[in-house]
C-alpha atoms as a PDB file:
ATOM      1  CA  UNK A   1      -0.123   0.070   0.014  1.00  0.00           C
ATOM      2  CA  UNK A   2       3.027   2.604   0.948  1.00  0.00           C
ATOM      3  CA  UNK A   3       4.857   1.620  -2.426  1.00  0.00           C
ATOM      4  CA  UNK A   4       1.088   2.882  -4.169  1.00  0.00           C
ATOM      5  CA  UNK A   5       1.038   5.591  -2.263  1.00  0.00           C
ATOM      6  CA  UNK A   6       4.563   6.805  -2.901  1.00  0.00           C
ATOM      7  CA  UNK A   7       4.329   5.997  -6.658  1.00  0.00           C
ATOM      8  CA  UNK A   8       1.270   8.180  -6.974  1.00  0.00           C
ATOM      9  CA  UNK A   9       1.866  10.601  -4.176  1.00  0.00           C
ATOM     10  CA  UNK A  10       1.726  13.870  -6.479  1.00  0.00           C
ATOM     11  CA  UNK A  11      -1.467  12.585  -7.915  1.00  0.00           C
ATOM     12  CA  UNK A  12      -2.850  11.480  -4.771  1.00  0.00           C
ATOM     13  CA  UNK A  13      -2.179  14.575  -2.999  1.00  0.00           C
ATOM     14  CA  UNK A  14      -3.769  16.749  -5.621  1.00  0.00           C
ATOM     15  CA  UNK A  15      -6.745  14.745  -5.971  1.00  0.00           C
ATOM     16  CA  UNK A  16      -7.172  14.534  -2.072  1.00  0.00           C
ATOM     17  CA  UNK A  17      -6.696  18.052  -1.919  1.00  0.00           C
ATOM     18  CA  UNK A  18      -9.429  19.213  -4.399  1.00  0.00           C
ATOM     19  CA  UNK A  19     -12.215  16.200  -3.317  1.00  0.00           C
ATOM     20  CA  UNK A  20     -13.561  19.125  -0.973  1.00  0.00           C
ATOM     21  CA  UNK A  21     -13.895  21.377  -3.738  1.00  0.00           C
ATOM     22  CA  UNK A  22     -15.089  19.430  -6.643  1.00  0.00           C
ATOM     23  CA  UNK A  23     -18.000  17.619  -6.275  1.00  0.00           C
ATOM     24  CA  UNK A  24     -17.457  14.864  -8.973  1.00  0.00           C
ATOM     25  CA  UNK A  25     -14.147  14.043  -7.023  1.00  0.00           C
ATOM     26  CA  UNK A  26     -15.908  12.798  -3.819  1.00  0.00           C
ATOM     27  CA  UNK A  27     -18.247  10.314  -5.546  1.00  0.00           C
ATOM     28  CA  UNK A  28     -14.866   9.204  -7.876  1.00  0.00           C
ATOM     29  CA  UNK A  29     -13.149   8.913  -4.592  1.00  0.00           C
ATOM     30  CA  UNK A  30     -15.750   7.258  -2.616  1.00  0.00           C
ATOM     31  CA  UNK A  31     -14.777   3.328  -3.133  1.00  0.00           C
ATOM     32  CA  UNK A  32     -11.140   4.270  -2.505  1.00  0.00           C
ATOM     33  CA  UNK A  33     -12.085   5.588   0.750  1.00  0.00           C
ATOM     34  CA  UNK A  34     -14.072   2.522   0.962  1.00  0.00           C
ATOM     35  CA  UNK A  35     -11.386   0.179  -0.124  1.00  0.00           C
ATOM     36  CA  UNK A  36      -8.648   1.831   2.845  1.00  0.00           C
ATOM     37  CA  UNK A  37     -11.524   1.645   5.315  1.00  0.00           C
ATOM     38  CA  UNK A  38     -12.299  -2.125   4.593  1.00  0.00           C
ATOM     39  CA  UNK A  39      -8.149  -2.736   4.514  1.00  0.00           C
ATOM     40  CA  UNK A  40      -8.309  -1.333   8.167  1.00  0.00           C
ATOM     41  CA  UNK A  41     -11.019  -3.513   9.236  1.00  0.00           C
ATOM     42  CA  UNK A  42      -9.343  -6.397   8.028  1.00  0.00           C
ATOM     43  CA  UNK A  43      -6.281  -5.885  10.077  1.00  0.00           C
ATOM     44  CA  UNK A  44      -8.464  -5.480  12.746  1.00  0.00           C
ATOM     45  CA  UNK A  45     -10.602  -8.797  12.592  1.00  0.00           C
ATOM     46  CA  UNK A  46      -9.176 -11.524  14.839  1.00  0.00           C
ATOM     47  CA  UNK A  47      -7.374  -9.130  17.143  1.00  0.00           C
ATOM     48  CA  UNK A  48      -7.736 -10.371  20.394  1.00  0.00           C
ATOM     49  CA  UNK A  49      -8.436  -6.738  22.288  1.00  0.00           C
ATOM     50  CA  UNK A  50     -12.094  -5.563  23.235  1.00  0.00           C
ATOM     51  CA  UNK A  51     -13.478  -2.267  24.579  1.00  0.00           C
ATOM     52  CA  UNK A  52     -11.426   0.862  24.514  1.00  0.00           C
ATOM     53  CA  UNK A  53      -8.337  -1.041  23.680  1.00  0.00           C
ATOM     54  CA  UNK A  54     -10.015  -2.283  20.641  1.00  0.00           C
ATOM     55  CA  UNK A  55     -11.355   1.244  19.748  1.00  0.00           C
ATOM     56  CA  UNK A  56      -7.532   2.625  20.218  1.00  0.00           C
ATOM     57  CA  UNK A  57      -6.044  -0.300  17.725  1.00  0.00           C
ATOM     58  CA  UNK A  58      -9.044   0.513  15.115  1.00  0.00           C
ATOM     59  CA  UNK A  59      -8.000   4.079  15.569  1.00  0.00           C
ATOM     60  CA  UNK A  60      -4.235   3.090  14.872  1.00  0.00           C
ATOM     61  CA  UNK A  61      -4.723   0.889  11.961  1.00  0.00           C
ATOM     62  CA  UNK A  62      -7.155   3.724  10.235  1.00  0.00           C
ATOM     63  CA  UNK A  63      -3.805   6.146  10.773  1.00  0.00           C
ATOM     64  CA  UNK A  64      -1.541   3.312   9.289  1.00  0.00           C
ATOM     65  CA  UNK A  65      -3.780   3.132   6.133  1.00  0.00           C
ATOM     66  CA  UNK A  66      -4.129   6.839   5.726  1.00  0.00           C
ATOM     67  CA  UNK A  67      -2.517   8.365   2.590  1.00  0.00           C
ATOM     68  CA  UNK A  68      -1.810  11.686   4.594  1.00  0.00           C
ATOM     69  CA  UNK A  69      -0.417   9.942   7.564  1.00  0.00           C
ATOM     70  CA  UNK A  70       1.843   7.957   5.226  1.00  0.00           C
ATOM     71  CA  UNK A  71       2.790  11.198   3.344  1.00  0.00           C
ATOM     72  CA  UNK A  72       3.602  13.239   6.777  1.00  0.00           C
ATOM     73  CA  UNK A  73       6.296  10.265   7.842  1.00  0.00           C
ATOM     74  CA  UNK A  74       7.493  10.161   4.130  1.00  0.00           C
ATOM     75  CA  UNK A  75       7.978  14.047   4.051  1.00  0.00           C
ATOM     76  CA  UNK A  76       9.743  13.571   7.325  1.00  0.00           C
ATOM     77  CA  UNK A  77      12.802  11.285   5.549  1.00  0.00           C
ATOM     78  CA  UNK A  78      11.469   7.813   6.616  1.00  0.00           C
ATOM     79  CA  UNK A  79      11.180   5.332   3.918  1.00  0.00           C
ATOM     80  CA  UNK A  80       8.340   2.669   3.329  1.00  0.00           C
ATOM     81  CA  UNK A  81       9.960   0.090   5.483  1.00  0.00           C
ATOM     82  CA  UNK A  82      10.505   2.503   8.566  1.00  0.00           C
ATOM     83  CA  UNK A  83       6.802   3.525   8.122  1.00  0.00           C
ATOM     84  CA  UNK A  84       5.756   0.069   8.212  1.00  0.00           C
ATOM     85  CA  UNK A  85       8.016  -0.551  11.331  1.00  0.00           C
ATOM     86  CA  UNK A  86       6.539   2.678  12.955  1.00  0.00           C
ATOM     87  CA  UNK A  87       3.074   1.787  12.268  1.00  0.00           C
ATOM     88  CA  UNK A  88       3.507  -1.894  13.851  1.00  0.00           C
ATOM     89  CA  UNK A  89       4.740  -0.211  17.096  1.00  0.00           C
ATOM     90  CA  UNK A  90       1.930   1.990  16.959  1.00  0.00           C
ATOM     91  CA  UNK A  91      -0.922  -0.593  16.657  1.00  0.00           C
ATOM     92  CA  UNK A  92       0.939  -2.679  19.240  1.00  0.00           C
ATOM     93  CA  UNK A  93       0.963   0.272  21.894  1.00  0.00           C
ATOM     94  CA  UNK A  94      -2.777   1.069  21.000  1.00  0.00           C
ATOM     95  CA  UNK A  95      -3.356  -2.424  22.062  1.00  0.00           C
ATOM     96  CA  UNK A  96      -1.576  -2.550  25.143  1.00  0.00           C
ATOM     97  CA  UNK A  97      -2.942  -1.862  28.712  1.00  0.00           C
ATOM     98  CA  UNK A  98      -2.599   1.944  29.394  1.00  0.00           C
ATOM     99  CA  UNK A  99       0.065   2.727  31.921  1.00  0.00           C
ATOM    100  CA  UNK A 100      -0.816   5.332  34.477  1.00  0.00           C
ATOM    101  CA  UNK A 101       1.667   8.377  35.227  1.00  0.00           C
ATOM    102  CA  UNK A 102       2.364   9.572  38.459  1.00  0.00           C
END
């Protein structure tokens, strides 16, 4: 997925930027948004977390497959492998019990 984002970054960035301003883009992009949401949902399936932990994991997975999240990290100088590693850590942390700070 990140390779797709990297190869299509200029086009994706422009299309997503214009989506809010060009009526036809919203309907054309709906299937892509649904696909990305479905991918996050598939990644969530079978995970053991429940309750708030599951909610955090679902949010982290949605973030991990989001173009703008990928783009922010890529523009920060990370390669796709590093972004994957970082997102894995994020999802694992989201599923862990929350620690209480003193």
